C-alpha atoms as a PDB file:
ATOM      1  CA  MET A   1      93.502 100.881  68.973  1.00  0.00           C
ATOM      2  CA  GLN A   2      95.144  98.657  71.591  1.00  0.00           C
ATOM      3  CA  ASN A   3      96.543  96.451  68.817  1.00  0.00           C
ATOM      4  CA  ILE A   4      98.223  99.473  67.184  1.00  0.00           C
ATOM      5  CA  LYS A   5      99.782 100.463  70.549  1.00  0.00           C
ATOM      6  CA  LEU A   6     101.125  96.908  70.939  1.00  0.00           C
ATOM      7  CA  LYS A   7     102.647  96.994  67.467  1.00  0.00           C
ATOM      8  CA  ASN A   8     104.218 100.395  68.120  1.00  0.00           C
ATOM      9  CA  LEU A   9     105.638  99.135  71.451  1.00  0.00           C
ATOM     10  CA  LEU A  10     107.048  96.009  69.751  1.00  0.00           C
ATOM     11  CA  PHE A  11     108.665  98.140  67.026  1.00  0.00           C
ATOM     12  CA  LEU A  12     110.194 100.483  69.597  1.00  0.00           C
ATOM     13  CA  PHE A  13     111.531  97.558  71.687  1.00  0.00           C
ATOM     14  CA  CYS A  14     113.138  95.888  68.674  1.00  0.00           C
ATOM     15  CA  THR A  15     114.695  99.164  67.535  1.00  0.00           C
ATOM     16  CA  LEU A  16     116.152  99.800  71.011  1.00  0.00           C
ATOM     17  CA  LEU A  17     117.430  96.243  71.145  1.00  0.00           C
ATOM     18  CA  ILE A  18     119.305  96.671  67.862  1.00  0.00           C
ATOM     19  CA  PHE A  19     120.639 100.062  68.872  1.00  0.00           C
ATOM     20  CA  CYS A  20     121.963  98.785  72.244  1.00  0.00           C
ATOM     21  CA  HIS A  21     123.583  95.668  70.690  1.00  0.00           C
ATOM     22  CA  ILE A  22     125.261  97.684  67.932  1.00  0.00           C
ATOM     23  CA  LYS A  23     126.470 100.279  70.501  1.00  0.00           C
ATOM     24  CA  ILE A  24     128.141  97.498  72.510  1.00  0.00           C
ATOM     25  CA  ALA A  25     129.655  96.047  69.299  1.00  0.00           C
ATOM     26  CA  PHE A  26     131.289  99.311  68.366  1.00  0.00           C
ATOM     27  CA  CYS A  27     132.681 100.314  71.772  1.00  0.00           C
ATOM     28  CA  GLN A  28     136.459 100.850  71.559  1.00  0.00           C
ATOM     29  CA  GLU A  29     139.040 101.795  74.054  1.00  0.00           C
ATOM     30  CA  LYS A  30     140.219 105.319  73.795  1.00  0.00           C
ATOM     31  CA  THR A  31     143.807 105.906  72.768  1.00  0.00           C
ATOM     32  CA  SER A  32     145.789 108.403  74.697  1.00  0.00           C
ATOM     33  CA  SER A  33     146.724 111.575  72.838  1.00  0.00           C
ATOM     34  CA  PRO A  34     150.350 112.568  72.635  1.00  0.00           C
ATOM     35  CA  ASN A  35     151.812 115.507  74.623  1.00  0.00           C
ATOM     36  CA  PRO A  36     151.700 118.550  72.259  1.00  0.00           C
ATOM     37  CA  VAL A  37     155.184 119.594  73.307  1.00  0.00           C
ATOM     38  CA  SER A  38     156.750 116.402  71.964  1.00  0.00           C
ATOM     39  CA  ILE A  39     154.965 116.267  68.588  1.00  0.00           C
ATOM     40  CA  ASN A  40     157.250 115.989  65.556  1.00  0.00           C
ATOM     41  CA  ASN A  41     156.692 114.806  62.010  1.00  0.00           C
ATOM     42  CA  GLU A  42     157.150 111.149  62.819  1.00  0.00           C
ATOM     43  CA  THR A  43     154.592 111.313  65.599  1.00  0.00           C
ATOM     44  CA  VAL A  44     152.127 113.217  63.341  1.00  0.00           C
ATOM     45  CA  ASN A  45     152.518 110.520  60.719  1.00  0.00           C
ATOM     46  CA  LYS A  46     151.877 107.755  63.375  1.00  0.00           C
ATOM     47  CA  ILE A  47     148.772 109.540  64.526  1.00  0.00           C
ATOM     48  CA  GLU A  48     147.398 109.931  60.986  1.00  0.00           C
ATOM     49  CA  LYS A  49     148.043 106.203  60.321  1.00  0.00           C
ATOM     50  CA  GLN A  50     146.224 105.297  63.570  1.00  0.00           C
ATOM     51  CA  GLU A  51     143.244 107.496  62.562  1.00  0.00           C
ATOM     52  CA  GLU A  52     143.178 105.858  59.080  1.00  0.00           C
ATOM     53  CA  THR A  53     143.252 102.433  60.733  1.00  0.00           C
ATOM     54  CA  ILE A  54     140.409 103.404  63.174  1.00  0.00           C
ATOM     55  CA  ASN A  55     138.306 104.803  60.266  1.00  0.00           C
ATOM     56  CA  SER A  56     138.982 101.675  58.254  1.00  0.00           C
ATOM     57  CA  ASN A  57     138.003  99.477  61.209  1.00  0.00           C
ATOM     58  CA  ILE A  58     134.691 101.347  61.660  1.00  0.00           C
ATOM     59  CA  TRP A  59     133.772 100.815  57.979  1.00  0.00           C
ATOM     60  CA  ARG A  60     134.753  97.152  58.275  1.00  0.00           C
ATOM     61  CA  LYS A  61     132.481  96.809  61.303  1.00  0.00           C
ATOM     62  CA  ILE A  62     129.620  98.502  59.572  1.00  0.00           C
ATOM     63  CA  TRP A  63     130.104  96.363  56.460  1.00  0.00           C
ATOM     64  CA  GLY A  64     130.219  93.359  58.776  1.00  0.00           C
ATOM     65  CA  LYS A  65     130.625  89.874  57.446  1.00  0.00           C
ATOM     66  CA  LYS A  66     128.466  87.705  55.211  1.00  0.00           C
ATOM     67  CA  SER A  67     125.265  86.404  56.807  1.00  0.00           C
ATOM     68  CA  ARG A  68     124.944  82.691  57.434  1.00  0.00           C
ATOM     69  CA  ASP A  69     124.162  80.619  54.320  1.00  0.00           C
ATOM     70  CA  ALA A  70     120.471  79.577  54.751  1.00  0.00           C
ATOM     71  CA  LEU A  71     117.180  78.752  53.198  1.00  0.00           C
ATOM     72  CA  LEU A  72     114.600  81.444  54.105  1.00  0.00           C
ATOM     73  CA  LEU A  73     111.087  80.132  54.677  1.00  0.00           C
ATOM     74  CA  GLY A  74     107.856  81.809  55.622  1.00  0.00           C
ATOM     75  CA  MET A  75     107.304  85.459  56.689  1.00  0.00           C
ATOM     76  CA  TRP A  76     104.751  87.185  58.740  1.00  0.00           C
ATOM     77  CA  SER A  77     104.464  90.951  59.097  1.00  0.00           C
ATOM     78  CA  ILE A  78     103.147  93.603  61.418  1.00  0.00           C
ATOM     79  CA  HIS A  79     102.433  97.036  60.020  1.00  0.00           C
ATOM     80  CA  THR A  80     102.777  99.713  62.661  1.00  0.00           C
ATOM     81  CA  LYS A  81     100.848 102.144  60.540  1.00  0.00           C
ATOM     82  CA  GLY A  82      97.134 101.398  60.307  1.00  0.00           C
ATOM     83  CA  GLY A  83      95.433  99.884  57.364  1.00  0.00           C
ATOM     84  CA  ASP A  84      94.269  96.517  56.071  1.00  0.00           C
ATOM     85  CA  SER A  85      97.460  94.701  54.901  1.00  0.00           C
ATOM     86  CA  ASN A  86      98.421  91.149  54.119  1.00  0.00           C
ATOM     87  CA  GLN A  87     100.199  89.771  57.186  1.00  0.00           C
ATOM     88  CA  GLN A  88     101.222  86.286  55.902  1.00  0.00           C
ATOM     89  CA  ASN A  89     103.813  86.801  53.175  1.00  0.00           C
ATOM     90  CA  HIS A  90     104.872  83.228  52.131  1.00  0.00           C
ATOM     91  CA  LEU A  91     108.554  83.984  51.769  1.00  0.00           C
ATOM     92  CA  LEU A  92     110.850  81.579  49.850  1.00  0.00           C
ATOM     93  CA  GLY A  93     114.455  82.681  49.589  1.00  0.00           C
ATOM     94  CA  ILE A  94     118.092  81.888  49.944  1.00  0.00           C
ATOM     95  CA  GLN A  95     121.119  83.520  51.547  1.00  0.00           C
ATOM     96  CA  TYR A  96     124.407  82.540  50.156  1.00  0.00           C
ATOM     97  CA  TYR A  97     127.848  84.026  50.590  1.00  0.00           C
ATOM     98  CA  GLY A  98     126.427  87.413  51.831  1.00  0.00           C
ATOM     99  CA  LEU A  99     123.758  87.692  49.180  1.00  0.00           C
ATOM    100  CA  ALA A 100     120.000  87.148  49.668  1.00  0.00           C
ATOM    101  CA  ALA A 101     117.415  86.535  46.977  1.00  0.00           C
ATOM    102  CA  GLY A 102     113.787  85.407  46.999  1.00  0.00           C
ATOM    103  CA  THR A 103     110.180  86.089  46.526  1.00  0.00           C
ATOM    104  CA  PHE A 104     107.181  86.756  48.795  1.00  0.00           C
ATOM    105  CA  ILE A 105     103.571  88.044  48.724  1.00  0.00           C
ATOM    106  CA  ASN A 106     103.725  91.706  49.688  1.00  0.00           C
ATOM    107  CA  SER A 107     101.358  93.672  51.899  1.00  0.00           C
ATOM    108  CA  HIS A 108      98.989  94.251  48.881  1.00  0.00           C
ATOM    109  CA  ASP A 109      98.791  90.519  48.040  1.00  0.00           C
ATOM    110  CA  GLU A 110     101.065  90.934  45.034  1.00  0.00           C
ATOM    111  CA  ARG A 111     104.178  88.898  44.216  1.00  0.00           C
ATOM    112  CA  ALA A 112     107.480  90.710  45.070  1.00  0.00           C
ATOM    113  CA  TRP A 113     111.090  89.775  44.400  1.00  0.00           C
ATOM    114  CA  PHE A 114     114.276  90.840  46.146  1.00  0.00           C
ATOM    115  CA  LEU A 115     118.045  90.568  45.641  1.00  0.00           C
ATOM    116  CA  GLY A 116     120.708  92.175  47.719  1.00  0.00           C
ATOM    117  CA  PHE A 117     123.335  91.972  50.402  1.00  0.00           C
ATOM    118  CA  ALA A 118     122.771  90.177  53.705  1.00  0.00           C
ATOM    119  CA  ARG A 119     125.362  91.178  56.293  1.00  0.00           C
ATOM    120  CA  GLU A 120     125.995  90.510  60.009  1.00  0.00           C
ATOM    121  CA  VAL A 121     127.373  93.334  62.091  1.00  0.00           C
ATOM    122  CA  SER A 122     127.506  91.349  65.338  1.00  0.00           C
ATOM    123  CA  SER A 123     127.263  87.652  66.188  1.00  0.00           C
ATOM    124  CA  ARG A 124     127.334  86.184  69.680  1.00  0.00           C
ATOM    125  CA  GLU A 125     127.332  82.643  70.808  1.00  0.00           C
ATOM    126  CA  ILE A 126     124.772  82.430  73.653  1.00  0.00           C
ATOM    127  CA  THR A 127     125.182  78.699  74.404  1.00  0.00           C
ATOM    128  CA  GLU A 128     127.025  75.906  72.660  1.00  0.00           C
ATOM    129  CA  ASN A 129     124.213  75.502  70.092  1.00  0.00           C
ATOM    130  CA  THR A 130     122.518  78.863  70.197  1.00  0.00           C
ATOM    131  CA  ARG A 131     123.670  82.005  68.429  1.00  0.00           C
ATOM    132  CA  LEU A 132     122.376  85.642  68.186  1.00  0.00           C
ATOM    133  CA  ASP A 133     123.046  87.624  65.072  1.00  0.00           C
ATOM    134  CA  ILE A 134     122.431  91.245  64.364  1.00  0.00           C
ATOM    135  CA  GLY A 135     122.789  92.681  60.864  1.00  0.00           C
ATOM    136  CA  TYR A 136     121.048  94.180  57.846  1.00  0.00           C
ATOM    137  CA  LYS A 137     119.876  93.514  54.336  1.00  0.00           C
ATOM    138  CA  PHE A 138     119.682  95.930  51.518  1.00  0.00           C
ATOM    139  CA  GLY A 139     119.191  95.903  47.778  1.00  0.00           C
ATOM    140  CA  PRO A 140     116.676  96.183  44.930  1.00  0.00           C
ATOM    141  CA  LEU A 141     113.057  95.106  45.414  1.00  0.00           C
ATOM    142  CA  TYR A 142     110.549  94.536  42.632  1.00  0.00           C
ATOM    143  CA  GLY A 143     106.844  94.291  42.936  1.00  0.00           C
ATOM    144  CA  TYR A 144     105.504  97.339  44.806  1.00  0.00           C
ATOM    145  CA  ASP A 145     104.405  99.469  41.822  1.00  0.00           C
ATOM    146  CA  GLU A 146     103.295 102.900  43.058  1.00  0.00           C
ATOM    147  CA  ASP A 147     103.483 102.056  46.793  1.00  0.00           C
ATOM    148  CA  LEU A 148     107.246 102.788  46.968  1.00  0.00           C
ATOM    149  CA  PRO A 149     109.324 105.210  44.971  1.00  0.00           C
ATOM    150  CA  ASN A 150     110.673 103.210  42.047  1.00  0.00           C
ATOM    151  CA  ILE A 151     112.309 103.254  38.694  1.00  0.00           C
ATOM    152  CA  CYS A 152     110.697 100.806  36.204  1.00  0.00           C
ATOM    153  CA  GLY A 153     109.129  98.942  39.101  1.00  0.00           C
ATOM    154  CA  PHE A 154     112.410  98.531  41.068  1.00  0.00           C
ATOM    155  CA  SER A 155     112.627 100.088  44.533  1.00  0.00           C
ATOM    156  CA  PHE A 156     115.495 100.097  46.992  1.00  0.00           C
ATOM    157  CA  ALA A 157     114.907  98.371  50.358  1.00  0.00           C
ATOM    158  CA  ALA A 158     116.919  98.196  53.589  1.00  0.00           C
ATOM    159  CA  ALA A 159     116.149  96.574  56.839  1.00  0.00           C
ATOM    160  CA  GLY A 160     117.816  95.818  60.200  1.00  0.00           C
ATOM    161  CA  THR A 161     117.749  92.121  61.258  1.00  0.00           C
ATOM    162  CA  ILE A 162     117.937  90.195  64.549  1.00  0.00           C
ATOM    163  CA  GLY A 163     118.243  86.473  64.294  1.00  0.00           C
ATOM    164  CA  ILE A 164     118.551  83.720  66.786  1.00  0.00           C
ATOM    165  CA  SER A 165     119.397  80.187  65.799  1.00  0.00           C
ATOM    166  CA  TRP A 166     119.612  76.850  67.549  1.00  0.00           C
ATOM    167  CA  LYS A 167     121.781  74.337  65.684  1.00  0.00           C
ATOM    168  CA  LYS A 168     120.569  74.614  62.105  1.00  0.00           C
ATOM    169  CA  ILE A 169     117.125  76.266  62.727  1.00  0.00           C
ATOM    170  CA  GLY A 170     116.747  79.982  63.051  1.00  0.00           C
ATOM    171  CA  ILE A 171     114.151  82.779  63.496  1.00  0.00           C
ATOM    172  CA  ASP A 172     114.743  86.184  62.014  1.00  0.00           C
ATOM    173  CA  ILE A 173     113.046  89.465  62.916  1.00  0.00           C
ATOM    174  CA  MET A 174     113.453  92.212  60.359  1.00  0.00           C
ATOM    175  CA  ILE A 175     112.696  95.876  61.001  1.00  0.00           C
ATOM    176  CA  ILE A 176     111.960  97.896  57.893  1.00  0.00           C
ATOM    177  CA  PRO A 177     112.135 101.708  58.328  1.00  0.00           C
ATOM    178  CA  VAL A 178     108.695 102.332  56.842  1.00  0.00           C
ATOM    179  CA  GLY A 179     107.039 100.814  59.943  1.00  0.00           C
ATOM    180  CA  ILE A 180     107.009  97.122  59.235  1.00  0.00           C
ATOM    181  CA  ILE A 181     108.325  94.345  61.442  1.00  0.00           C
ATOM    182  CA  THR A 182     108.587  90.879  59.869  1.00  0.00           C
ATOM    183  CA  GLY A 183     109.387  87.438  61.259  1.00  0.00           C
ATOM    184  CA  GLY A 184     110.418  84.314  59.450  1.00  0.00           C
ATOM    185  CA  PHE A 185     112.180  81.007  59.682  1.00  0.00           C
ATOM    186  CA  ARG A 186     115.637  80.031  58.361  1.00  0.00           C
ATOM    187  CA  ILE A 187     117.421  76.713  57.901  1.00  0.00           C
ATOM    188  CA  ASN A 188     121.210  77.270  58.074  1.00  0.00           C
ATOM    189  CA  PHE A 189     123.563  75.459  55.638  1.00  0.00           C
ATOM    190  CA  ASP A 190     126.795  76.414  57.516  1.00  0.00           C
END
């Protein structure tokens, strides 16, 4: 019982950390609105262009940039929902130019495969050699049979990621919305 409470607390903490960091990353200065008396067609066009630019910038920030090129090694998972699940997942994967692919042993001790996008929404240099990255991964996942909704064995997966790296070595924490927190290592190429 205490172990489940600890898992739930860790899941909540990681979720709040991601939310706060993303909120900071998306803060923008407010633009002053024009005086309604002086509005003319030219001003309206300028305002519409500014709104389009702001909307475009928001989507660019959400899309982010490609994640660091890296070799993904090892994965351990915590399931916040009870049950007897595999917690050592033996991940072997690669991230290259914003794509991630690899294989691991899933919660039911079966081989699973993934391929998808790996994006960074925010990246901060903490010290000269240390960096914090926040992002997400999403794409098709194969190997969960009836455990997840699927078409011909393929499911869709999405997860938020928090990574910290020192020089070329990194640790990633991934939060999957179905109540799973994973951790793994990464060796950066870039």
